[in-house]
């Protein structure tokens, strides 16, 4: 192995991110990234520091013919809590490239499914109100039946998108659950793509959040005026459309960004986070199924779709609080 491979392998065996190793050596993360992608060489002082940090000899780092047997002692693991004997999955350049190519269209379709779920009650709201005010030649039951049929069709389409595209990414589920080790060149390739996509990612996040915030304006304006019930239903429909558009952007860019983080084992996909996510999996499933059930129950019982959407931001905040409490509880055991 060349020096670049050895630095990457030893860093990952210790469960350190590039940022963490850079902090220990007093250099930038970009410097570590360039070392691991063979774009530059560390100076002698840094090599001596790494030999001490990793618990290996300088000969092992510098001589290509020396493999793992050249280590002078076991690699120290001061940060990672993963068991030392846990299997590490190797990820080839071809596998990484195929995954990143796949995640583009998959993220579009998953985001479209979320969009359909959010706008699904719009037809029911508008048709029902229009029938009540005599704006369409439909009885209340007919309007409700058509609106409900549209809602169910949109939900069914969304579920189909989730299932079909979820099956396509099933072979790569290990990226968010198991520790991985990328082959030579993968790290540099992924970082290059991440750098090119960074501006678009930030723009999508900003636009998505802005659209969700602006979504309350139509309902706020209607409530300040004495308009018809039909105008109120239209304002709620516009609110849901804006929220759906903002969520589409957030889900789409989030999936693409996270795909690159998974390959780099950064962000929410470090080895420590993977271990924690595995332990939290049953809780997460039960929590979000309960939140979905509560949202649908409140929405159908009250018919106040323009208000019940608040369940989601509240559930998101509570989820973060509960996960933090779980982490504290486990830390005390």
C-alpha atoms as a PDB file:
ATOM      1  CA  UNK A   1       0.000   0.000   0.000  1.00  0.00           C
ATOM      2  CA  UNK A   2       1.087   3.569  -0.603  1.00  0.00           C
ATOM      3  CA  UNK A   3       1.176   6.197   2.138  1.00  0.00           C
ATOM      4  CA  UNK A   4      -2.226   7.631   1.120  1.00  0.00           C
ATOM      5  CA  UNK A   5      -3.934   4.266   1.595  1.00  0.00           C
ATOM      6  CA  UNK A   6      -2.206   3.644   4.910  1.00  0.00           C
ATOM      7  CA  UNK A   7      -3.260   7.010   6.348  1.00  0.00           C
ATOM      8  CA  UNK A   8      -6.873   6.420   5.284  1.00  0.00           C
ATOM      9  CA  UNK A   9      -6.977   2.843   6.569  1.00  0.00           C
ATOM     10  CA  UNK A  10      -5.418   3.677   9.939  1.00  0.00           C
ATOM     11  CA  UNK A  11      -7.679   6.708  10.410  1.00  0.00           C
ATOM     12  CA  UNK A  12     -10.797   4.659   9.722  1.00  0.00           C
ATOM     13  CA  UNK A  13      -9.657   1.796  11.952  1.00  0.00           C
ATOM     14  CA  UNK A  14      -9.468   4.313  14.789  1.00  0.00           C
ATOM     15  CA  UNK A  15     -12.928   5.606  13.892  1.00  0.00           C
ATOM     16  CA  UNK A  16     -11.647   9.148  13.308  1.00  0.00           C
ATOM     17  CA  UNK A  17     -13.062  11.542  10.753  1.00  0.00           C
ATOM     18  CA  UNK A  18     -10.731  13.615   8.615  1.00  0.00           C
ATOM     19  CA  UNK A  19     -11.626  16.647  10.744  1.00  0.00           C
ATOM     20  CA  UNK A  20     -10.648  14.823  13.943  1.00  0.00           C
ATOM     21  CA  UNK A  21      -7.305  13.649  12.565  1.00  0.00           C
ATOM     22  CA  UNK A  22      -6.616  17.128  11.214  1.00  0.00           C
ATOM     23  CA  UNK A  23      -7.260  18.608  14.672  1.00  0.00           C
ATOM     24  CA  UNK A  24      -4.824  16.181  16.311  1.00  0.00           C
ATOM     25  CA  UNK A  25      -2.129  17.077  13.766  1.00  0.00           C
ATOM     26  CA  UNK A  26      -2.806  20.816  13.725  1.00  0.00           C
ATOM     27  CA  UNK A  27      -3.612  20.947  10.008  1.00  0.00           C
ATOM     28  CA  UNK A  28      -6.730  21.601   7.931  1.00  0.00           C
ATOM     29  CA  UNK A  29      -9.181  18.890   6.891  1.00  0.00           C
ATOM     30  CA  UNK A  30      -8.305  19.707   3.265  1.00  0.00           C
ATOM     31  CA  UNK A  31      -4.695  18.742   3.965  1.00  0.00           C
ATOM     32  CA  UNK A  32      -5.720  15.319   5.277  1.00  0.00           C
ATOM     33  CA  UNK A  33      -8.039  14.870   2.285  1.00  0.00           C
ATOM     34  CA  UNK A  34      -5.180  15.619  -0.114  1.00  0.00           C
ATOM     35  CA  UNK A  35      -2.887  13.162   1.679  1.00  0.00           C
ATOM     36  CA  UNK A  36      -5.492  10.404   1.428  1.00  0.00           C
ATOM     37  CA  UNK A  37      -6.176  11.075  -2.257  1.00  0.00           C
ATOM     38  CA  UNK A  38      -2.412  11.194  -3.013  1.00  0.00           C
ATOM     39  CA  UNK A  39      -2.627  14.816  -4.174  1.00  0.00           C
ATOM     40  CA  UNK A  40       0.109  15.873  -1.739  1.00  0.00           C
ATOM     41  CA  UNK A  41       2.538  14.395   0.800  1.00  0.00           C
ATOM     42  CA  UNK A  42       2.713  15.232   4.520  1.00  0.00           C
ATOM     43  CA  UNK A  43       6.008  16.662   5.750  1.00  0.00           C
ATOM     44  CA  UNK A  44       8.361  14.689   8.001  1.00  0.00           C
ATOM     45  CA  UNK A  45       7.008  16.199  11.226  1.00  0.00           C
ATOM     46  CA  UNK A  46       3.446  15.176  10.336  1.00  0.00           C
ATOM     47  CA  UNK A  47       4.594  11.648   9.473  1.00  0.00           C
ATOM     48  CA  UNK A  48       6.267  11.377  12.888  1.00  0.00           C
ATOM     49  CA  UNK A  49       3.082  12.654  14.552  1.00  0.00           C
ATOM     50  CA  UNK A  50       0.932  10.143  12.670  1.00  0.00           C
ATOM     51  CA  UNK A  51       3.257   7.273  13.517  1.00  0.00           C
ATOM     52  CA  UNK A  52       2.820   8.117  17.205  1.00  0.00           C
ATOM     53  CA  UNK A  53      -0.955   8.644  16.924  1.00  0.00           C
ATOM     54  CA  UNK A  54      -1.552   5.416  15.001  1.00  0.00           C
ATOM     55  CA  UNK A  55       0.924   3.361  17.024  1.00  0.00           C
ATOM     56  CA  UNK A  56       2.975   2.304  14.002  1.00  0.00           C
ATOM     57  CA  UNK A  57       6.549   2.815  12.848  1.00  0.00           C
ATOM     58  CA  UNK A  58       7.607   5.473  10.350  1.00  0.00           C
ATOM     59  CA  UNK A  59       9.010   2.650   8.224  1.00  0.00           C
ATOM     60  CA  UNK A  60       5.532   1.151   8.018  1.00  0.00           C
ATOM     61  CA  UNK A  61       4.098   4.457   6.817  1.00  0.00           C
ATOM     62  CA  UNK A  62       6.826   5.250   4.299  1.00  0.00           C
ATOM     63  CA  UNK A  63       7.731   1.857   2.829  1.00  0.00           C
ATOM     64  CA  UNK A  64       5.171   0.617   0.337  1.00  0.00           C
ATOM     65  CA  UNK A  65       6.264  -3.007   0.699  1.00  0.00           C
ATOM     66  CA  UNK A  66       5.426  -3.028   4.418  1.00  0.00           C
ATOM     67  CA  UNK A  67       1.846  -4.044   5.085  1.00  0.00           C
ATOM     68  CA  UNK A  68      -0.149  -4.438   8.310  1.00  0.00           C
ATOM     69  CA  UNK A  69       2.503  -6.737   9.779  1.00  0.00           C
ATOM     70  CA  UNK A  70       4.800  -3.718   9.926  1.00  0.00           C
ATOM     71  CA  UNK A  71       2.789  -2.124  12.704  1.00  0.00           C
ATOM     72  CA  UNK A  72       4.660  -1.955  15.996  1.00  0.00           C
ATOM     73  CA  UNK A  73       1.572  -2.407  18.105  1.00  0.00           C
ATOM     74  CA  UNK A  74      -2.199  -2.483  18.009  1.00  0.00           C
ATOM     75  CA  UNK A  75      -3.833   0.554  16.501  1.00  0.00           C
ATOM     76  CA  UNK A  76      -5.144   2.709  19.310  1.00  0.00           C
ATOM     77  CA  UNK A  77      -8.826   3.466  19.382  1.00  0.00           C
ATOM     78  CA  UNK A  78      -9.352   6.494  21.608  1.00  0.00           C
ATOM     79  CA  UNK A  79     -12.532   7.736  20.002  1.00  0.00           C
ATOM     80  CA  UNK A  80     -14.506   4.935  18.388  1.00  0.00           C
ATOM     81  CA  UNK A  81     -16.816   2.831  20.517  1.00  0.00           C
ATOM     82  CA  UNK A  82     -17.251   0.211  17.802  1.00  0.00           C
ATOM     83  CA  UNK A  83     -16.023  -3.281  18.712  1.00  0.00           C
ATOM     84  CA  UNK A  84     -12.569  -3.993  17.326  1.00  0.00           C
ATOM     85  CA  UNK A  85     -13.600  -7.262  15.705  1.00  0.00           C
ATOM     86  CA  UNK A  86     -16.611  -5.857  13.841  1.00  0.00           C
ATOM     87  CA  UNK A  87     -16.626  -6.573  10.104  1.00  0.00           C
ATOM     88  CA  UNK A  88     -15.714  -3.633   7.873  1.00  0.00           C
ATOM     89  CA  UNK A  89     -17.313  -3.504   4.422  1.00  0.00           C
ATOM     90  CA  UNK A  90     -15.055  -2.574   1.512  1.00  0.00           C
ATOM     91  CA  UNK A  91     -16.491  -0.116  -1.026  1.00  0.00           C
ATOM     92  CA  UNK A  92     -14.941  -0.068  -4.507  1.00  0.00           C
ATOM     93  CA  UNK A  93     -14.772   2.887  -6.864  1.00  0.00           C
ATOM     94  CA  UNK A  94     -17.314   1.213  -9.168  1.00  0.00           C
ATOM     95  CA  UNK A  95     -19.720   0.584  -6.287  1.00  0.00           C
ATOM     96  CA  UNK A  96     -19.425   4.156  -4.999  1.00  0.00           C
ATOM     97  CA  UNK A  97     -19.911   5.649  -8.489  1.00  0.00           C
ATOM     98  CA  UNK A  98     -22.940   3.449  -9.167  1.00  0.00           C
ATOM     99  CA  UNK A  99     -24.512   4.440  -5.847  1.00  0.00           C
ATOM    100  CA  UNK A 100     -24.034   8.170  -6.456  1.00  0.00           C
ATOM    101  CA  UNK A 101     -25.421   7.817  -9.987  1.00  0.00           C
ATOM    102  CA  UNK A 102     -28.461   5.938  -8.656  1.00  0.00           C
ATOM    103  CA  UNK A 103     -29.236   8.339  -5.827  1.00  0.00           C
ATOM    104  CA  UNK A 104     -29.934  11.233  -8.243  1.00  0.00           C
ATOM    105  CA  UNK A 105     -33.149   9.917  -9.827  1.00  0.00           C
ATOM    106  CA  UNK A 106     -34.118   8.070  -6.635  1.00  0.00           C
ATOM    107  CA  UNK A 107     -33.988  11.307  -4.623  1.00  0.00           C
ATOM    108  CA  UNK A 108     -36.205  13.008  -7.244  1.00  0.00           C
ATOM    109  CA  UNK A 109     -38.835  10.267  -6.986  1.00  0.00           C
ATOM    110  CA  UNK A 110     -38.803   9.994  -3.202  1.00  0.00           C
ATOM    111  CA  UNK A 111     -39.148  13.774  -2.948  1.00  0.00           C
ATOM    112  CA  UNK A 112     -42.015  13.617  -5.458  1.00  0.00           C
ATOM    113  CA  UNK A 113     -43.715  11.008  -3.272  1.00  0.00           C
ATOM    114  CA  UNK A 114     -43.467  13.294  -0.236  1.00  0.00           C
ATOM    115  CA  UNK A 115     -44.861  16.137  -2.382  1.00  0.00           C
ATOM    116  CA  UNK A 116     -47.878  14.007  -3.364  1.00  0.00           C
ATOM    117  CA  UNK A 117     -48.558  13.065   0.267  1.00  0.00           C
ATOM    118  CA  UNK A 118     -48.632  16.707   1.361  1.00  0.00           C
ATOM    119  CA  UNK A 119     -50.923  17.958  -1.422  1.00  0.00           C
ATOM    120  CA  UNK A 120     -53.223  14.914  -1.306  1.00  0.00           C
ATOM    121  CA  UNK A 121     -56.031  16.583   0.735  1.00  0.00           C
ATOM    122  CA  UNK A 122     -56.176  19.732  -1.464  1.00  0.00           C
ATOM    123  CA  UNK A 123     -58.844  18.384  -3.851  1.00  0.00           C
ATOM    124  CA  UNK A 124     -60.971  17.170  -0.923  1.00  0.00           C
ATOM    125  CA  UNK A 125     -60.839  20.583   0.761  1.00  0.00           C
ATOM    126  CA  UNK A 126     -61.537  22.681  -2.323  1.00  0.00           C
ATOM    127  CA  UNK A 127     -64.229  20.448  -3.879  1.00  0.00           C
ATOM    128  CA  UNK A 128     -66.020  20.015  -0.558  1.00  0.00           C
ATOM    129  CA  UNK A 129     -66.153  23.761   0.081  1.00  0.00           C
ATOM    130  CA  UNK A 130     -67.115  24.536  -3.518  1.00  0.00           C
ATOM    131  CA  UNK A 131     -70.032  22.084  -3.287  1.00  0.00           C
ATOM    132  CA  UNK A 132     -71.229  23.628  -0.021  1.00  0.00           C
ATOM    133  CA  UNK A 133     -71.312  27.084  -1.616  1.00  0.00           C
ATOM    134  CA  UNK A 134     -72.941  25.871  -4.838  1.00  0.00           C
ATOM    135  CA  UNK A 135     -69.948  26.738  -7.008  1.00  0.00           C
ATOM    136  CA  UNK A 136     -69.950  23.284  -8.655  1.00  0.00           C
ATOM    137  CA  UNK A 137     -72.794  21.011  -9.736  1.00  0.00           C
ATOM    138  CA  UNK A 138     -72.017  18.352  -7.191  1.00  0.00           C
ATOM    139  CA  UNK A 139     -73.663  17.286  -3.985  1.00  0.00           C
ATOM    140  CA  UNK A 140     -71.652  17.357  -0.796  1.00  0.00           C
ATOM    141  CA  UNK A 141     -71.360  13.563  -0.896  1.00  0.00           C
ATOM    142  CA  UNK A 142     -70.244  13.555  -4.531  1.00  0.00           C
ATOM    143  CA  UNK A 143     -67.636  16.238  -3.926  1.00  0.00           C
ATOM    144  CA  UNK A 144     -66.398  14.451  -0.829  1.00  0.00           C
ATOM    145  CA  UNK A 145     -66.226  11.148  -2.686  1.00  0.00           C
ATOM    146  CA  UNK A 146     -64.231  12.611  -5.574  1.00  0.00           C
ATOM    147  CA  UNK A 147     -61.906  14.466  -3.217  1.00  0.00           C
ATOM    148  CA  UNK A 148     -61.329  11.352  -1.130  1.00  0.00           C
ATOM    149  CA  UNK A 149     -60.653   9.298  -4.270  1.00  0.00           C
ATOM    150  CA  UNK A 150     -58.036  11.833  -5.407  1.00  0.00           C
ATOM    151  CA  UNK A 151     -56.455  11.791  -1.936  1.00  0.00           C
ATOM    152  CA  UNK A 152     -56.202   7.986  -1.924  1.00  0.00           C
ATOM    153  CA  UNK A 153     -54.830   7.898  -5.487  1.00  0.00           C
ATOM    154  CA  UNK A 154     -52.104  10.406  -4.631  1.00  0.00           C
ATOM    155  CA  UNK A 155     -51.208   8.530  -1.441  1.00  0.00           C
ATOM    156  CA  UNK A 156     -51.111   5.237  -3.362  1.00  0.00           C
ATOM    157  CA  UNK A 157     -48.839   6.802  -5.985  1.00  0.00           C
ATOM    158  CA  UNK A 158     -46.547   8.122  -3.267  1.00  0.00           C
ATOM    159  CA  UNK A 159     -46.370   4.738  -1.528  1.00  0.00           C
ATOM    160  CA  UNK A 160     -45.530   3.083  -4.859  1.00  0.00           C
ATOM    161  CA  UNK A 161     -42.678   5.560  -5.379  1.00  0.00           C
ATOM    162  CA  UNK A 162     -41.368   4.903  -1.866  1.00  0.00           C
ATOM    163  CA  UNK A 163     -41.454   1.116  -2.257  1.00  0.00           C
ATOM    164  CA  UNK A 164     -40.010   0.911  -5.785  1.00  0.00           C
ATOM    165  CA  UNK A 165     -37.173   3.349  -5.144  1.00  0.00           C
ATOM    166  CA  UNK A 166     -36.535   1.971  -1.683  1.00  0.00           C
ATOM    167  CA  UNK A 167     -35.949  -1.439  -3.250  1.00  0.00           C
ATOM    168  CA  UNK A 168     -33.401   0.094  -5.625  1.00  0.00           C
ATOM    169  CA  UNK A 169     -31.324   1.425  -2.740  1.00  0.00           C
ATOM    170  CA  UNK A 170     -31.708  -1.660  -0.521  1.00  0.00           C
ATOM    171  CA  UNK A 171     -28.309  -3.080  -1.601  1.00  0.00           C
ATOM    172  CA  UNK A 172     -26.660   0.054  -0.211  1.00  0.00           C
ATOM    173  CA  UNK A 173     -28.366   0.069   3.193  1.00  0.00           C
ATOM    174  CA  UNK A 174     -25.102  -1.101   4.740  1.00  0.00           C
ATOM    175  CA  UNK A 175     -23.631   2.366   4.131  1.00  0.00           C
ATOM    176  CA  UNK A 176     -25.708   3.804   6.972  1.00  0.00           C
ATOM    177  CA  UNK A 177     -25.488   0.794   9.278  1.00  0.00           C
ATOM    178  CA  UNK A 178     -22.021  -0.773   8.968  1.00  0.00           C
ATOM    179  CA  UNK A 179     -18.474   0.593   9.154  1.00  0.00           C
ATOM    180  CA  UNK A 180     -16.968   0.864   5.675  1.00  0.00           C
ATOM    181  CA  UNK A 181     -13.554   1.201   4.139  1.00  0.00           C
ATOM    182  CA  UNK A 182     -13.336   2.808   0.699  1.00  0.00           C
ATOM    183  CA  UNK A 183     -10.782   1.758  -1.871  1.00  0.00           C
ATOM    184  CA  UNK A 184      -8.071   4.084  -3.108  1.00  0.00           C
ATOM    185  CA  UNK A 185      -9.418   7.142  -4.931  1.00  0.00           C
ATOM    186  CA  UNK A 186     -13.014   6.873  -3.698  1.00  0.00           C
ATOM    187  CA  UNK A 187     -12.565   9.490  -0.968  1.00  0.00           C
ATOM    188  CA  UNK A 188     -11.108  12.023  -3.402  1.00  0.00           C
ATOM    189  CA  UNK A 189     -13.815  11.376  -5.991  1.00  0.00           C
ATOM    190  CA  UNK A 190     -16.633  11.823  -3.475  1.00  0.00           C
ATOM    191  CA  UNK A 191     -15.097  15.008  -2.041  1.00  0.00           C
ATOM    192  CA  UNK A 192     -14.761  16.450  -5.519  1.00  0.00           C
ATOM    193  CA  UNK A 193     -18.449  15.816  -6.194  1.00  0.00           C
ATOM    194  CA  UNK A 194     -19.397  17.211  -2.808  1.00  0.00           C
ATOM    195  CA  UNK A 195     -17.444  20.386  -3.540  1.00  0.00           C
ATOM    196  CA  UNK A 196     -19.194  20.829  -6.889  1.00  0.00           C
ATOM    197  CA  UNK A 197     -22.627  20.218  -5.360  1.00  0.00           C
ATOM    198  CA  UNK A 198     -22.165  22.285  -2.203  1.00  0.00           C
ATOM    199  CA  UNK A 199     -23.524  25.579  -3.568  1.00  0.00           C
ATOM    200  CA  UNK A 200     -26.580  23.891  -5.112  1.00  0.00           C
ATOM    201  CA  UNK A 201     -27.194  22.052  -1.831  1.00  0.00           C
ATOM    202  CA  UNK A 202     -27.087  25.245   0.223  1.00  0.00           C
ATOM    203  CA  UNK A 203     -29.390  27.026  -2.247  1.00  0.00           C
ATOM    204  CA  UNK A 204     -31.934  24.184  -2.133  1.00  0.00           C
ATOM    205  CA  UNK A 205     -31.926  24.181   1.671  1.00  0.00           C
ATOM    206  CA  UNK A 206     -32.455  27.951   1.824  1.00  0.00           C
ATOM    207  CA  UNK A 207     -35.248  27.897  -0.783  1.00  0.00           C
ATOM    208  CA  UNK A 208     -36.928  24.938   0.899  1.00  0.00           C
ATOM    209  CA  UNK A 209     -36.964  26.601   4.311  1.00  0.00           C
ATOM    210  CA  UNK A 210     -38.127  29.938   2.851  1.00  0.00           C
ATOM    211  CA  UNK A 211     -41.029  28.279   1.013  1.00  0.00           C
ATOM    212  CA  UNK A 212     -42.150  26.493   4.192  1.00  0.00           C
ATOM    213  CA  UNK A 213     -42.048  29.784   6.117  1.00  0.00           C
ATOM    214  CA  UNK A 214     -43.899  31.707   3.396  1.00  0.00           C
ATOM    215  CA  UNK A 215     -46.574  29.015   3.308  1.00  0.00           C
ATOM    216  CA  UNK A 216     -48.389  30.538   6.289  1.00  0.00           C
ATOM    217  CA  UNK A 217     -48.920  33.861   4.484  1.00  0.00           C
ATOM    218  CA  UNK A 218     -52.029  32.828   2.445  1.00  0.00           C
ATOM    219  CA  UNK A 219     -53.893  31.583   5.526  1.00  0.00           C
ATOM    220  CA  UNK A 220     -52.756  34.580   7.593  1.00  0.00           C
ATOM    221  CA  UNK A 221     -54.030  36.990   4.927  1.00  0.00           C
ATOM    222  CA  UNK A 222     -57.348  35.161   4.678  1.00  0.00           C
ATOM    223  CA  UNK A 223     -57.834  35.169   8.448  1.00  0.00           C
ATOM    224  CA  UNK A 224     -57.306  38.943   8.519  1.00  0.00           C
ATOM    225  CA  UNK A 225     -60.048  39.431   5.906  1.00  0.00           C
ATOM    226  CA  UNK A 226     -63.671  38.416   5.746  1.00  0.00           C
ATOM    227  CA  UNK A 227     -63.599  36.089   2.789  1.00  0.00           C
ATOM    228  CA  UNK A 228     -65.748  33.181   1.717  1.00  0.00           C
ATOM    229  CA  UNK A 229     -65.176  29.637   2.918  1.00  0.00           C
ATOM    230  CA  UNK A 230     -64.101  28.731  -0.612  1.00  0.00           C
ATOM    231  CA  UNK A 231     -61.391  31.410  -0.534  1.00  0.00           C
ATOM    232  CA  UNK A 232     -60.268  30.013   2.801  1.00  0.00           C
ATOM    233  CA  UNK A 233     -60.057  26.492   1.360  1.00  0.00           C
ATOM    234  CA  UNK A 234     -58.029  27.816  -1.579  1.00  0.00           C
ATOM    235  CA  UNK A 235     -55.649  29.572   0.826  1.00  0.00           C
ATOM    236  CA  UNK A 236     -55.144  26.295   2.700  1.00  0.00           C
ATOM    237  CA  UNK A 237     -54.553  24.522  -0.603  1.00  0.00           C
ATOM    238  CA  UNK A 238     -51.933  27.116  -1.524  1.00  0.00           C
ATOM    239  CA  UNK A 239     -50.321  26.687   1.907  1.00  0.00           C
ATOM    240  CA  UNK A 240     -50.024  22.937   1.364  1.00  0.00           C
ATOM    241  CA  UNK A 241     -48.628  23.492  -2.135  1.00  0.00           C
ATOM    242  CA  UNK A 242     -45.886  25.792  -0.818  1.00  0.00           C
ATOM    243  CA  UNK A 243     -45.053  23.414   2.038  1.00  0.00           C
ATOM    244  CA  UNK A 244     -44.942  20.513  -0.434  1.00  0.00           C
ATOM    245  CA  UNK A 245     -42.620  22.442  -2.759  1.00  0.00           C
ATOM    246  CA  UNK A 246     -40.277  23.408   0.065  1.00  0.00           C
ATOM    247  CA  UNK A 247     -40.243  19.862   1.417  1.00  0.00           C
ATOM    248  CA  UNK A 248     -39.537  18.504  -2.081  1.00  0.00           C
ATOM    249  CA  UNK A 249     -36.381  20.629  -2.291  1.00  0.00           C
ATOM    250  CA  UNK A 250     -35.249  19.664   1.223  1.00  0.00           C
ATOM    251  CA  UNK A 251     -35.798  15.931   0.753  1.00  0.00           C
ATOM    252  CA  UNK A 252     -34.198  15.889  -2.707  1.00  0.00           C
ATOM    253  CA  UNK A 253     -31.026  17.741  -1.764  1.00  0.00           C
ATOM    254  CA  UNK A 254     -30.849  16.058   1.647  1.00  0.00           C
ATOM    255  CA  UNK A 255     -30.765  12.580   0.121  1.00  0.00           C
ATOM    256  CA  UNK A 256     -28.034  13.550  -2.358  1.00  0.00           C
ATOM    257  CA  UNK A 257     -25.889  15.219   0.295  1.00  0.00           C
ATOM    258  CA  UNK A 258     -26.319  12.352   2.745  1.00  0.00           C
ATOM    259  CA  UNK A 259     -25.312   9.843   0.058  1.00  0.00           C
ATOM    260  CA  UNK A 260     -21.899  11.499  -0.118  1.00  0.00           C
ATOM    261  CA  UNK A 261     -21.663  11.720   3.671  1.00  0.00           C
ATOM    262  CA  UNK A 262     -22.371   7.990   3.917  1.00  0.00           C
ATOM    263  CA  UNK A 263     -19.434   7.167   1.644  1.00  0.00           C
ATOM    264  CA  UNK A 264     -17.159   9.486   3.647  1.00  0.00           C
ATOM    265  CA  UNK A 265     -18.526   8.346   7.031  1.00  0.00           C
ATOM    266  CA  UNK A 266     -19.138  11.955   8.033  1.00  0.00           C
ATOM    267  CA  UNK A 267     -21.998  13.951   9.534  1.00  0.00           C
ATOM    268  CA  UNK A 268     -24.678  11.604  10.835  1.00  0.00           C
ATOM    269  CA  UNK A 269     -22.876   8.591   9.383  1.00  0.00           C
ATOM    270  CA  UNK A 270     -19.726   8.332  11.466  1.00  0.00           C
ATOM    271  CA  UNK A 271     -19.144   4.939  13.039  1.00  0.00           C
ATOM    272  CA  UNK A 272     -20.332   6.246  16.414  1.00  0.00           C
ATOM    273  CA  UNK A 273     -23.583   7.516  14.871  1.00  0.00           C
ATOM    274  CA  UNK A 274     -24.115   4.244  13.024  1.00  0.00           C
ATOM    275  CA  UNK A 275     -23.846   2.308  16.248  1.00  0.00           C
ATOM    276  CA  UNK A 276     -26.277   4.662  17.953  1.00  0.00           C
ATOM    277  CA  UNK A 277     -28.719   4.553  15.014  1.00  0.00           C
ATOM    278  CA  UNK A 278     -28.756   0.751  15.135  1.00  0.00           C
ATOM    279  CA  UNK A 279     -29.688   0.837  18.804  1.00  0.00           C
ATOM    280  CA  UNK A 280     -32.340   3.526  18.200  1.00  0.00           C
ATOM    281  CA  UNK A 281     -33.946   1.825  15.178  1.00  0.00           C
ATOM    282  CA  UNK A 282     -36.948   0.250  17.010  1.00  0.00           C
ATOM    283  CA  UNK A 283     -37.696   3.533  18.805  1.00  0.00           C
ATOM    284  CA  UNK A 284     -37.468   5.559  15.568  1.00  0.00           C
ATOM    285  CA  UNK A 285     -39.887   3.243  13.742  1.00  0.00           C
ATOM    286  CA  UNK A 286     -42.472   3.311  16.524  1.00  0.00           C
ATOM    287  CA  UNK A 287     -42.137   7.072  17.015  1.00  0.00           C
ATOM    288  CA  UNK A 288     -42.703   8.105  13.390  1.00  0.00           C
ATOM    289  CA  UNK A 289     -45.497   5.588  12.817  1.00  0.00           C
ATOM    290  CA  UNK A 290     -47.217   7.064  15.886  1.00  0.00           C
ATOM    291  CA  UNK A 291     -46.688  10.615  14.587  1.00  0.00           C
ATOM    292  CA  UNK A 292     -48.163   9.674  11.205  1.00  0.00           C
ATOM    293  CA  UNK A 293     -51.149   8.008  12.838  1.00  0.00           C
ATOM    294  CA  UNK A 294     -51.742  11.051  15.049  1.00  0.00           C
ATOM    295  CA  UNK A 295     -51.563  13.412  12.057  1.00  0.00           C
ATOM    296  CA  UNK A 296     -54.084  11.414  10.019  1.00  0.00           C
ATOM    297  CA  UNK A 297     -56.417  10.916  12.985  1.00  0.00           C
ATOM    298  CA  UNK A 298     -56.484  14.605  13.887  1.00  0.00           C
ATOM    299  CA  UNK A 299     -56.860  15.653  10.247  1.00  0.00           C
ATOM    300  CA  UNK A 300     -59.805  13.380   9.462  1.00  0.00           C
ATOM    301  CA  UNK A 301     -61.578  14.000  12.776  1.00  0.00           C
ATOM    302  CA  UNK A 302     -61.284  17.784  12.683  1.00  0.00           C
ATOM    303  CA  UNK A 303     -61.029  18.450   8.949  1.00  0.00           C
ATOM    304  CA  UNK A 304     -58.576  21.219   9.875  1.00  0.00           C
ATOM    305  CA  UNK A 305     -55.818  20.266   7.442  1.00  0.00           C
ATOM    306  CA  UNK A 306     -54.569  23.860   7.537  1.00  0.00           C
ATOM    307  CA  UNK A 307     -53.723  23.398  11.221  1.00  0.00           C
ATOM    308  CA  UNK A 308     -52.866  19.724  11.684  1.00  0.00           C
ATOM    309  CA  UNK A 309     -49.656  20.025   9.621  1.00  0.00           C
ATOM    310  CA  UNK A 310     -48.137  21.549  12.762  1.00  0.00           C
ATOM    311  CA  UNK A 311     -47.847  17.949  14.024  1.00  0.00           C
ATOM    312  CA  UNK A 312     -44.742  17.468  11.845  1.00  0.00           C
ATOM    313  CA  UNK A 313     -42.515  20.319  13.094  1.00  0.00           C
ATOM    314  CA  UNK A 314     -43.559  19.533  16.682  1.00  0.00           C
ATOM    315  CA  UNK A 315     -42.776  15.843  16.136  1.00  0.00           C
ATOM    316  CA  UNK A 316     -39.397  16.782  14.649  1.00  0.00           C
ATOM    317  CA  UNK A 317     -38.441  18.900  17.658  1.00  0.00           C
ATOM    318  CA  UNK A 318     -39.649  16.275  20.119  1.00  0.00           C
ATOM    319  CA  UNK A 319     -37.740  13.580  18.247  1.00  0.00           C
ATOM    320  CA  UNK A 320     -34.489  15.501  18.685  1.00  0.00           C
ATOM    321  CA  UNK A 321     -35.198  15.967  22.401  1.00  0.00           C
ATOM    322  CA  UNK A 322     -36.017  12.284  22.938  1.00  0.00           C
ATOM    323  CA  UNK A 323     -32.904  11.103  21.076  1.00  0.00           C
ATOM    324  CA  UNK A 324     -30.779  13.436  23.209  1.00  0.00           C
ATOM    325  CA  UNK A 325     -32.394  12.037  26.366  1.00  0.00           C
ATOM    326  CA  UNK A 326     -31.704   8.483  25.170  1.00  0.00           C
ATOM    327  CA  UNK A 327     -28.057   9.410  24.627  1.00  0.00           C
ATOM    328  CA  UNK A 328     -27.797  10.884  28.142  1.00  0.00           C
ATOM    329  CA  UNK A 329     -29.507   7.850  29.694  1.00  0.00           C
ATOM    330  CA  UNK A 330     -27.145   5.427  27.945  1.00  0.00           C
ATOM    331  CA  UNK A 331     -24.153   7.505  28.960  1.00  0.00           C
ATOM    332  CA  UNK A 332     -25.058   7.074  32.630  1.00  0.00           C
ATOM    333  CA  UNK A 333     -25.402   3.298  32.429  1.00  0.00           C
END
